[in-house]
Amino acid sequence: MRLEPALIARLQFLCRVVGKESTYLLQTDTRLFAEHSLTDTLERLDIDPLLAERLDAFVSRFGRLQDTVTDKLLPALLQAMAEPRGAAIENLDRAEKLGWLDSADQWLEMRNLRNQMVHEYIEDRAVLADALQAGHAFVPMLLLVASRLIEKTRQRLSLH
């Protein structure tokens, strides 16, 4: 199947964006979790504007990469592969069946966690610390899936 030039350009663009977003998330994750105790680190949140910015950067980059992969790259790649596309959950289920991600349920859990980090961090530092630790634990999976989709996209583009 020959791909439309517009779809090729979109896929190339999305691969570049996902690559950059992955790099930026990894950098922020490394800086934020370099200290031993996140709970102790969060105690300084109100007096350390750089820490607050780093925290916001992590949450933003974590969510942005998920959104770009789930809502943009995955549907475009499914289209390029002549696979059925649907709502996000259907696309994630399809990606799981194709072996592009290990668990659609885990991916949805990760998306819900992002929402918790965004909405709860000002009020309850313990909830924030738990959510950030869980987000940190999801980063390798997020980066792996992003990398897999970039590779699948590049393979598809080389075949057209």
C-alpha atoms as a PDB file:
ATOM      1  CA  MET A   1       0.000   0.000   0.000  1.00  0.00           C
ATOM      2  CA  ARG A   2       1.366   3.359  -1.050  1.00  0.00           C
ATOM      3  CA  LEU A   3       1.172   6.071   1.612  1.00  0.00           C
ATOM      4  CA  GLU A   4      -0.089   9.556   0.909  1.00  0.00           C
ATOM      5  CA  PRO A   5       2.634  12.221   1.071  1.00  0.00           C
ATOM      6  CA  ALA A   6       0.717  14.069   3.810  1.00  0.00           C
ATOM      7  CA  LEU A   7       0.659  10.938   5.991  1.00  0.00           C
ATOM      8  CA  ILE A   8       4.362  10.348   5.391  1.00  0.00           C
ATOM      9  CA  ALA A   9       5.154  13.925   6.412  1.00  0.00           C
ATOM     10  CA  ARG A  10       2.944  13.614   9.510  1.00  0.00           C
ATOM     11  CA  LEU A  11       4.600  10.371  10.581  1.00  0.00           C
ATOM     12  CA  GLN A  12       8.070  11.820  10.087  1.00  0.00           C
ATOM     13  CA  PHE A  13       7.108  14.893  12.106  1.00  0.00           C
ATOM     14  CA  LEU A  14       5.566  12.793  14.898  1.00  0.00           C
ATOM     15  CA  CYS A  15       8.661  10.596  15.119  1.00  0.00           C
ATOM     16  CA  ARG A  16      10.814  13.701  15.567  1.00  0.00           C
ATOM     17  CA  VAL A  17       8.447  15.105  18.209  1.00  0.00           C
ATOM     18  CA  VAL A  18       8.180  11.842  20.140  1.00  0.00           C
ATOM     19  CA  GLY A  19      11.960  11.471  20.041  1.00  0.00           C
ATOM     20  CA  LYS A  20      12.448  14.953  21.487  1.00  0.00           C
ATOM     21  CA  GLU A  21       9.705  14.506  24.070  1.00  0.00           C
ATOM     22  CA  SER A  22      11.286  11.206  25.159  1.00  0.00           C
ATOM     23  CA  THR A  23      14.683  12.860  25.587  1.00  0.00           C
ATOM     24  CA  TYR A  24      13.240  15.762  27.572  1.00  0.00           C
ATOM     25  CA  LEU A  25      11.202  13.465  29.843  1.00  0.00           C
ATOM     26  CA  LEU A  26      14.240  11.311  30.561  1.00  0.00           C
ATOM     27  CA  GLN A  27      16.339  14.372  31.410  1.00  0.00           C
ATOM     28  CA  THR A  28      13.716  15.770  33.781  1.00  0.00           C
ATOM     29  CA  ASP A  29      13.065  12.368  35.343  1.00  0.00           C
ATOM     30  CA  THR A  30      16.783  11.952  36.034  1.00  0.00           C
ATOM     31  CA  ARG A  31      17.055  15.384  37.674  1.00  0.00           C
ATOM     32  CA  LEU A  32      13.869  15.115  39.735  1.00  0.00           C
ATOM     33  CA  PHE A  33      14.631  11.659  41.095  1.00  0.00           C
ATOM     34  CA  ALA A  34      18.359  12.173  41.651  1.00  0.00           C
ATOM     35  CA  GLU A  35      17.786  12.845  45.338  1.00  0.00           C
ATOM     36  CA  HIS A  36      17.131   9.953  47.680  1.00  0.00           C
ATOM     37  CA  SER A  37      13.852  10.955  49.296  1.00  0.00           C
ATOM     38  CA  LEU A  38      11.146  12.497  47.181  1.00  0.00           C
ATOM     39  CA  THR A  39       9.106  13.256  50.295  1.00  0.00           C
ATOM     40  CA  ASP A  40      12.005  15.280  51.733  1.00  0.00           C
ATOM     41  CA  THR A  41      12.471  16.967  48.375  1.00  0.00           C
ATOM     42  CA  LEU A  42       8.799  17.964  48.258  1.00  0.00           C
ATOM     43  CA  GLU A  43       9.116  19.630  51.673  1.00  0.00           C
ATOM     44  CA  ARG A  44      11.164  22.308  49.869  1.00  0.00           C
ATOM     45  CA  LEU A  45       8.572  22.840  47.146  1.00  0.00           C
ATOM     46  CA  ASP A  46       7.216  26.132  48.518  1.00  0.00           C
ATOM     47  CA  ILE A  47      10.667  27.662  48.979  1.00  0.00           C
ATOM     48  CA  ASP A  48      12.494  26.269  45.947  1.00  0.00           C
ATOM     49  CA  PRO A  49      11.174  27.680  42.668  1.00  0.00           C
ATOM     50  CA  LEU A  50      13.573  25.554  40.605  1.00  0.00           C
ATOM     51  CA  LEU A  51      12.226  22.419  42.243  1.00  0.00           C
ATOM     52  CA  ALA A  52       8.669  23.579  41.527  1.00  0.00           C
ATOM     53  CA  GLU A  53       9.600  24.133  37.884  1.00  0.00           C
ATOM     54  CA  ARG A  54      11.290  20.726  37.674  1.00  0.00           C
ATOM     55  CA  LEU A  55       8.186  19.108  39.143  1.00  0.00           C
ATOM     56  CA  ASP A  56       5.930  20.908  36.689  1.00  0.00           C
ATOM     57  CA  ALA A  57       8.264  19.938  33.851  1.00  0.00           C
ATOM     58  CA  PHE A  58       8.110  16.259  34.836  1.00  0.00           C
ATOM     59  CA  VAL A  59       4.324  16.212  35.043  1.00  0.00           C
ATOM     60  CA  SER A  60       3.990  18.154  31.794  1.00  0.00           C
ATOM     61  CA  ARG A  61       6.502  16.065  29.861  1.00  0.00           C
ATOM     62  CA  PHE A  62       5.105  12.813  31.247  1.00  0.00           C
ATOM     63  CA  GLY A  63       1.608  13.788  30.118  1.00  0.00           C
ATOM     64  CA  ARG A  64       2.678  15.326  26.815  1.00  0.00           C
ATOM     65  CA  LEU A  65       4.567  12.215  25.713  1.00  0.00           C
ATOM     66  CA  GLN A  66       1.613  10.009  26.614  1.00  0.00           C
ATOM     67  CA  ASP A  67      -0.758  12.278  24.723  1.00  0.00           C
ATOM     68  CA  THR A  68       1.443  12.486  21.639  1.00  0.00           C
ATOM     69  CA  VAL A  69       1.934   8.730  21.513  1.00  0.00           C
ATOM     70  CA  THR A  70      -1.688   7.815  22.280  1.00  0.00           C
ATOM     71  CA  ASP A  71      -3.580  10.518  20.430  1.00  0.00           C
ATOM     72  CA  LYS A  72      -1.287  11.250  17.481  1.00  0.00           C
ATOM     73  CA  LEU A  73       1.474   8.766  16.661  1.00  0.00           C
ATOM     74  CA  LEU A  74      -0.444   5.564  17.374  1.00  0.00           C
ATOM     75  CA  PRO A  75      -3.488   6.447  15.223  1.00  0.00           C
ATOM     76  CA  ALA A  76      -1.262   7.692  12.392  1.00  0.00           C
ATOM     77  CA  LEU A  77       0.826   4.513  12.500  1.00  0.00           C
ATOM     78  CA  LEU A  78      -2.295   2.335  12.547  1.00  0.00           C
ATOM     79  CA  GLN A  79      -3.526   4.235   9.485  1.00  0.00           C
ATOM     80  CA  ALA A  80      -0.200   3.691   7.723  1.00  0.00           C
ATOM     81  CA  MET A  81      -0.378  -0.021   8.497  1.00  0.00           C
ATOM     82  CA  ALA A  82      -3.972  -0.222   7.180  1.00  0.00           C
ATOM     83  CA  GLU A  83      -5.103  -1.267  10.650  1.00  0.00           C
ATOM     84  CA  PRO A  84      -8.492  -0.303  12.071  1.00  0.00           C
ATOM     85  CA  ARG A  85      -8.543   2.855  14.168  1.00  0.00           C
ATOM     86  CA  GLY A  86     -11.023   3.951  16.771  1.00  0.00           C
ATOM     87  CA  ALA A  87     -11.171   5.548  20.171  1.00  0.00           C
ATOM     88  CA  ALA A  88      -7.963   5.684  22.204  1.00  0.00           C
ATOM     89  CA  ILE A  89      -8.777   2.517  24.162  1.00  0.00           C
ATOM     90  CA  GLU A  90      -9.458   0.619  20.941  1.00  0.00           C
ATOM     91  CA  ASN A  91      -6.183   1.830  19.460  1.00  0.00           C
ATOM     92  CA  LEU A  92      -4.321   0.809  22.622  1.00  0.00           C
ATOM     93  CA  ASP A  93      -5.949  -2.632  22.533  1.00  0.00           C
ATOM     94  CA  ARG A  94      -4.908  -2.973  18.891  1.00  0.00           C
ATOM     95  CA  ALA A  95      -1.354  -1.893  19.720  1.00  0.00           C
ATOM     96  CA  GLU A  96      -1.249  -4.523  22.465  1.00  0.00           C
ATOM     97  CA  LYS A  97      -2.427  -7.215  20.035  1.00  0.00           C
ATOM     98  CA  LEU A  98       0.272  -6.126  17.584  1.00  0.00           C
ATOM     99  CA  GLY A  99       2.919  -6.361  20.325  1.00  0.00           C
ATOM    100  CA  TRP A 100       3.693  -2.649  20.310  1.00  0.00           C
ATOM    101  CA  LEU A 101       2.843  -2.286  23.984  1.00  0.00           C
ATOM    102  CA  ASP A 102       2.665  -4.895  26.688  1.00  0.00           C
ATOM    103  CA  SER A 103      -0.593  -3.866  28.333  1.00  0.00           C
ATOM    104  CA  ALA A 104      -3.315  -1.442  27.299  1.00  0.00           C
ATOM    105  CA  ASP A 105      -4.594  -1.583  30.885  1.00  0.00           C
ATOM    106  CA  GLN A 106      -1.217  -0.459  32.250  1.00  0.00           C
ATOM    107  CA  TRP A 107      -1.162   2.348  29.700  1.00  0.00           C
ATOM    108  CA  LEU A 108      -4.588   3.520  30.876  1.00  0.00           C
ATOM    109  CA  GLU A 109      -3.403   3.314  34.478  1.00  0.00           C
ATOM    110  CA  MET A 110      -0.481   5.520  33.516  1.00  0.00           C
ATOM    111  CA  ARG A 111      -2.832   8.042  31.891  1.00  0.00           C
ATOM    112  CA  ASN A 112      -4.998   8.153  35.015  1.00  0.00           C
ATOM    113  CA  LEU A 113      -1.898   8.698  37.112  1.00  0.00           C
ATOM    114  CA  ARG A 114      -1.001  11.736  35.025  1.00  0.00           C
ATOM    115  CA  ASN A 115      -4.402  13.207  35.806  1.00  0.00           C
ATOM    116  CA  GLN A 116      -3.835  12.607  39.510  1.00  0.00           C
ATOM    117  CA  MET A 117      -0.446  14.339  39.416  1.00  0.00           C
ATOM    118  CA  VAL A 118      -1.949  17.363  37.713  1.00  0.00           C
ATOM    119  CA  HIS A 119      -4.926  17.768  40.018  1.00  0.00           C
ATOM    120  CA  GLU A 120      -3.698  16.720  43.447  1.00  0.00           C
ATOM    121  CA  TYR A 121      -0.209  18.083  43.873  1.00  0.00           C
ATOM    122  CA  ILE A 122      -0.988  21.384  45.553  1.00  0.00           C
ATOM    123  CA  GLU A 123      -3.243  19.993  48.273  1.00  0.00           C
ATOM    124  CA  ASP A 124      -1.676  16.754  49.428  1.00  0.00           C
ATOM    125  CA  ARG A 125       2.098  16.255  49.278  1.00  0.00           C
ATOM    126  CA  ALA A 126       1.862  12.586  50.281  1.00  0.00           C
ATOM    127  CA  VAL A 127      -0.483  11.885  47.360  1.00  0.00           C
ATOM    128  CA  LEU A 128       1.831  13.854  45.101  1.00  0.00           C
ATOM    129  CA  ALA A 129       4.882  11.902  46.270  1.00  0.00           C
ATOM    130  CA  ASP A 130       3.095   8.589  45.661  1.00  0.00           C
ATOM    131  CA  ALA A 131       1.905   9.704  42.229  1.00  0.00           C
ATOM    132  CA  LEU A 132       5.349  10.985  41.251  1.00  0.00           C
ATOM    133  CA  GLN A 133       6.998   7.739  42.370  1.00  0.00           C
ATOM    134  CA  ALA A 134       4.464   5.773  40.345  1.00  0.00           C
ATOM    135  CA  GLY A 135       5.056   8.086  37.365  1.00  0.00           C
ATOM    136  CA  HIS A 136       8.794   7.595  37.718  1.00  0.00           C
ATOM    137  CA  ALA A 137       8.239   3.837  37.695  1.00  0.00           C
ATOM    138  CA  PHE A 138       6.225   4.150  34.447  1.00  0.00           C
ATOM    139  CA  VAL A 139       8.856   6.213  32.621  1.00  0.00           C
ATOM    140  CA  PRO A 140      10.803   3.193  31.283  1.00  0.00           C
ATOM    141  CA  MET A 141       7.611   1.656  29.869  1.00  0.00           C
ATOM    142  CA  LEU A 142       6.557   4.968  28.331  1.00  0.00           C
ATOM    143  CA  LEU A 143       9.964   5.448  26.712  1.00  0.00           C
ATOM    144  CA  LEU A 144      10.042   1.844  25.485  1.00  0.00           C
ATOM    145  CA  VAL A 145       6.644   2.092  23.803  1.00  0.00           C
ATOM    146  CA  ALA A 146       7.564   5.449  22.266  1.00  0.00           C
ATOM    147  CA  SER A 147      10.772   3.913  20.910  1.00  0.00           C
ATOM    148  CA  ARG A 148       8.919   0.875  19.546  1.00  0.00           C
ATOM    149  CA  LEU A 149       6.382   3.032  17.742  1.00  0.00           C
ATOM    150  CA  ILE A 150       9.112   5.199  16.245  1.00  0.00           C
ATOM    151  CA  GLU A 151      10.891   2.074  15.016  1.00  0.00           C
ATOM    152  CA  LYS A 152       7.669   0.580  13.589  1.00  0.00           C
ATOM    153  CA  THR A 153       6.959   3.884  11.873  1.00  0.00           C
ATOM    154  CA  ARG A 154      10.437   4.057  10.355  1.00  0.00           C
ATOM    155  CA  GLN A 155      10.113   0.467   9.145  1.00  0.00           C
ATOM    156  CA  ARG A 156       6.771   1.270   7.521  1.00  0.00           C
ATOM    157  CA  LEU A 157       8.119   4.407   5.891  1.00  0.00           C
ATOM    158  CA  SER A 158      11.071   2.499   4.429  1.00  0.00           C
ATOM    159  CA  LEU A 159       8.653   0.033   2.784  1.00  0.00           C
ATOM    160  CA  HIS A 160       6.427   2.516   1.023  1.00  0.00           C
END
